[in-house]
Amino acid sequence: MTRTECEVAGLVLAAGGGRRLGGRPKALLEHRGRPLVEHAAGALRAGGCARVHVVLGARARDVRERARLAGCVLVDNPEWERGMGSSLRAGLDSLTGTEAGAALVLLVDQPGVGAEAVARVRAAYRDGTSLVSATYDGVRGHPVLLGAAHWAGVVASATGDRGARAYLRAHEESLALVECGDVARPYDIDTEADLGLLT
């Protein structure tokens, strides 16, 4: 295992309750016959993250029963209804004290973002001060790599449905951008209309 594989941990944010989807948790939506949370965890593994933490919230018990997440560290977020910020905080807290020098964050509702984008963003890791974002035709998106030196600042600024956005905006001069538009499609599964993007 390489140094980067050991030090860059994957982090899936998969706690949301799918309010705009009639209360169907996004983690359990099926894509190619399996729950979205499996696809996200698999993309992180295939992209080179040996350690993968998955933050669960809505219907966490059902996710544990239905999704094949062997080898992943499952993190419960009791405050998931407060939004994505609480899940990012829970995920980063779960990595504190591990050998991880960075967290590579992937959202569960973006099945068009796979291992190729993960690998590109991971490859930009240098050390615990690294801060990296995928871009799509120049527009920032996921995955995002947060070096451990930034975790405290991200945790302090992550509120509501805003994860690391405010922190990244405040640290643009340190942010490395990696174009992924040729290998991934960053659409979200947010509404009933978006369900047609799943196969």
Protein backbone atom coordinates (compact mmCIF):
# COMPACT_ATOMS: atom_id res chain seq x y z
CA MET A 1 0.00 0.00 0.00
CA THR A 2 1.39 3.40 -0.91
CA ARG A 3 1.73 6.33 1.48
CA THR A 4 -1.09 8.14 -0.30
CA GLU A 5 -3.41 5.14 -0.03
CA CYS A 6 -2.76 5.00 3.71
CA GLU A 7 -3.01 8.71 4.35
CA VAL A 8 -5.97 9.72 2.17
CA ALA A 9 -9.17 8.35 3.70
CA GLY A 10 -12.44 8.28 1.80
CA LEU A 11 -15.46 9.90 3.41
CA VAL A 12 -18.99 9.32 2.09
CA LEU A 13 -21.71 11.70 3.27
CA ALA A 14 -24.82 9.50 3.16
CA ALA A 15 -27.04 10.61 6.03
CA GLY A 16 -29.69 12.70 4.26
CA GLY A 17 -33.37 11.86 4.49
CA GLY A 18 -34.35 12.86 0.94
CA ARG A 19 -36.96 15.47 1.87
CA ARG A 20 -37.52 16.44 -1.77
CA LEU A 21 -37.79 12.75 -2.66
CA GLY A 22 -40.76 12.08 -0.41
CA GLY A 23 -38.60 11.06 2.53
CA ARG A 24 -36.65 8.36 0.71
CA PRO A 25 -33.06 8.35 2.02
CA LYS A 26 -30.63 8.85 -0.83
CA ALA A 27 -28.29 6.17 0.50
CA LEU A 28 -30.92 3.53 -0.31
CA LEU A 29 -31.89 4.72 -3.79
CA GLU A 30 -30.95 2.02 -6.27
CA HIS A 31 -28.56 2.48 -9.16
CA ARG A 32 -27.60 -0.50 -11.30
CA GLY A 33 -29.29 -2.80 -8.83
CA ARG A 34 -27.51 -1.68 -5.67
CA PRO A 35 -27.92 1.21 -3.16
CA LEU A 36 -26.20 4.50 -3.99
CA VAL A 37 -24.14 4.28 -0.80
CA GLU A 38 -22.45 1.15 -2.15
CA HIS A 39 -21.54 2.93 -5.37
CA ALA A 40 -20.00 5.87 -3.49
CA ALA A 41 -17.97 3.67 -1.15
CA GLY A 42 -16.87 1.55 -4.09
CA ALA A 43 -15.76 4.61 -6.06
CA LEU A 44 -13.56 5.73 -3.18
CA ARG A 45 -12.02 2.28 -2.83
CA ALA A 46 -11.46 1.88 -6.57
CA GLY A 47 -10.00 5.39 -6.69
CA GLY A 48 -7.31 4.45 -4.19
CA CYS A 49 -8.68 5.08 -0.68
CA ALA A 50 -7.83 2.11 1.52
CA ARG A 51 -9.82 3.48 4.48
CA VAL A 52 -13.43 4.52 3.85
CA HIS A 53 -15.75 6.04 6.44
CA VAL A 54 -19.47 6.31 5.66
CA VAL A 55 -21.67 8.75 7.58
CA LEU A 56 -25.21 7.44 8.07
CA GLY A 57 -28.31 9.11 9.45
CA ALA A 58 -31.81 8.61 8.00
CA ARG A 59 -32.84 4.95 8.30
CA ALA A 60 -29.31 4.01 9.28
CA ARG A 61 -30.40 0.54 10.38
CA ASP A 62 -31.92 -0.19 6.96
CA VAL A 63 -28.77 1.04 5.24
CA ARG A 64 -26.63 -1.24 7.40
CA GLU A 65 -28.88 -4.20 6.56
CA ARG A 66 -29.26 -3.62 2.82
CA ALA A 67 -25.95 -2.16 1.68
CA ARG A 68 -22.77 -4.18 1.32
CA LEU A 69 -20.28 -1.99 3.14
CA ALA A 70 -17.87 -4.57 4.52
CA GLY A 71 -14.56 -3.03 5.47
CA CYS A 72 -16.02 0.47 5.77
CA VAL A 73 -16.20 2.32 9.07
CA LEU A 74 -19.87 3.25 9.58
CA VAL A 75 -20.38 6.53 11.44
CA ASP A 76 -23.77 7.44 12.90
CA ASN A 77 -24.79 11.08 12.75
CA PRO A 78 -27.62 11.59 15.26
CA GLU A 79 -27.96 15.21 14.06
CA TRP A 80 -28.41 14.33 10.37
CA GLU A 81 -31.64 16.35 10.13
CA ARG A 82 -29.60 19.52 10.66
CA GLY A 83 -28.05 19.11 7.21
CA MET A 84 -24.88 18.11 5.44
CA GLY A 85 -22.69 20.26 7.67
CA SER A 86 -23.41 17.99 10.64
CA SER A 87 -22.47 14.92 8.58
CA LEU A 88 -19.19 16.46 7.49
CA ARG A 89 -18.40 17.28 11.12
CA ALA A 90 -19.24 13.73 12.22
CA GLY A 91 -17.13 12.24 9.44
CA LEU A 92 -14.07 14.37 10.15
CA ASP A 93 -14.42 13.70 13.89
CA SER A 94 -14.41 9.95 13.13
CA LEU A 95 -11.09 10.31 11.30
CA THR A 96 -9.39 12.24 14.08
CA GLY A 97 -6.78 10.04 15.71
CA THR A 98 -6.37 7.77 12.68
CA GLU A 99 -3.34 7.81 10.40
CA ALA A 100 -5.30 9.81 7.82
CA GLY A 101 -3.58 12.95 6.62
CA ALA A 102 -6.57 13.95 4.49
CA ALA A 103 -10.23 13.15 3.91
CA LEU A 104 -11.49 12.76 0.35
CA VAL A 105 -15.17 13.68 0.56
CA LEU A 106 -17.76 12.23 -1.83
CA LEU A 107 -21.52 12.81 -1.76
CA VAL A 108 -23.83 9.79 -1.89
CA ASP A 109 -26.21 11.42 -4.38
CA GLN A 110 -23.70 11.89 -7.21
CA PRO A 111 -23.47 8.48 -8.93
CA GLY A 112 -21.96 10.09 -12.01
CA VAL A 113 -18.79 10.81 -10.03
CA GLY A 114 -16.73 7.64 -9.92
CA ALA A 115 -13.31 6.18 -9.35
CA GLU A 116 -11.59 8.19 -12.11
CA ALA A 117 -12.46 11.53 -10.50
CA VAL A 118 -11.55 10.18 -7.07
CA ALA A 119 -8.14 9.04 -8.31
CA ARG A 120 -7.40 12.41 -9.93
CA VAL A 121 -8.24 14.39 -6.82
CA ARG A 122 -6.39 11.93 -4.57
CA ALA A 123 -3.29 12.21 -6.75
CA ALA A 124 -3.09 15.93 -5.90
CA TYR A 125 -2.52 15.12 -2.21
CA ARG A 126 0.86 16.26 -0.91
CA ASP A 127 0.55 16.45 2.87
CA GLY A 128 -1.81 17.44 5.68
CA THR A 129 -2.00 21.00 4.39
CA SER A 130 -3.42 19.92 1.00
CA LEU A 131 -6.75 21.39 -0.10
CA VAL A 132 -8.09 20.09 -3.42
CA SER A 133 -11.37 20.29 -5.34
CA ALA A 134 -12.59 18.65 -8.50
CA THR A 135 -13.87 21.07 -11.11
CA TYR A 136 -16.25 20.54 -14.00
CA ASP A 137 -15.65 22.95 -16.84
CA GLY A 138 -14.06 25.22 -14.27
CA VAL A 139 -16.90 25.00 -11.72
CA ARG A 140 -15.96 23.55 -8.32
CA GLY A 141 -17.61 20.31 -7.27
CA HIS A 142 -16.93 16.97 -5.61
CA PRO A 143 -14.91 15.10 -4.64
CA VAL A 144 -13.07 17.46 -2.33
CA LEU A 145 -9.86 16.60 -0.48
CA LEU A 146 -9.40 18.19 2.94
CA GLY A 147 -5.96 17.90 4.51
CA ALA A 148 -6.01 17.24 8.25
CA ALA A 149 -4.57 20.69 8.96
CA HIS A 150 -7.87 22.12 7.69
CA TRP A 151 -10.29 19.87 9.57
CA ALA A 152 -10.75 22.11 12.61
CA GLY A 153 -11.51 25.10 10.40
CA VAL A 154 -13.94 23.10 8.25
CA VAL A 155 -15.73 21.74 11.33
CA ALA A 156 -16.09 25.26 12.71
CA SER A 157 -17.63 26.59 9.48
CA ALA A 158 -19.80 23.61 8.41
CA THR A 159 -23.41 24.50 9.26
CA GLY A 160 -26.81 23.59 7.85
CA ASP A 161 -26.61 22.23 4.33
CA ARG A 162 -23.28 23.91 3.73
CA GLY A 163 -20.36 21.56 4.12
CA ALA A 164 -16.90 22.90 3.35
CA ARG A 165 -18.09 25.53 0.84
CA ALA A 166 -17.48 28.58 3.04
CA TYR A 167 -14.10 27.30 4.16
CA LEU A 168 -12.98 26.59 0.60
CA ARG A 169 -14.11 30.05 -0.52
CA ALA A 170 -12.11 31.64 2.31
CA HIS A 171 -9.00 29.64 1.36
CA GLU A 172 -9.11 29.88 -2.42
CA GLU A 173 -5.46 30.86 -2.58
CA SER A 174 -4.51 27.45 -1.12
CA LEU A 175 -7.02 25.42 -3.14
CA ALA A 176 -5.72 23.19 -5.93
CA LEU A 177 -8.25 22.59 -8.72
CA VAL A 178 -8.40 19.34 -10.68
CA GLU A 179 -10.52 19.22 -13.84
CA CYS A 180 -12.69 16.09 -13.95
CA GLY A 181 -15.31 17.04 -16.53
CA ASP A 182 -13.95 14.51 -19.01
CA VAL A 183 -14.30 11.53 -16.63
CA ALA A 184 -17.34 12.33 -14.47
CA ARG A 185 -20.80 13.90 -14.49
CA PRO A 186 -21.53 15.84 -11.28
CA TYR A 187 -25.34 15.75 -11.31
CA ASP A 188 -27.24 15.42 -8.00
CA ILE A 189 -30.18 13.17 -7.25
CA ASP A 190 -32.29 15.76 -5.42
CA THR A 191 -35.84 15.59 -6.79
CA GLU A 192 -38.30 13.11 -8.26
CA ALA A 193 -37.33 14.32 -11.73
CA ASP A 194 -33.70 13.38 -11.05
CA LEU A 195 -34.61 9.75 -10.41
CA GLY A 196 -34.62 9.23 -14.18
CA LEU A 197 -30.83 9.59 -14.05
CA LEU A 198 -30.58 6.32 -12.11
CA THR A 199 -30.42 3.05 -14.02
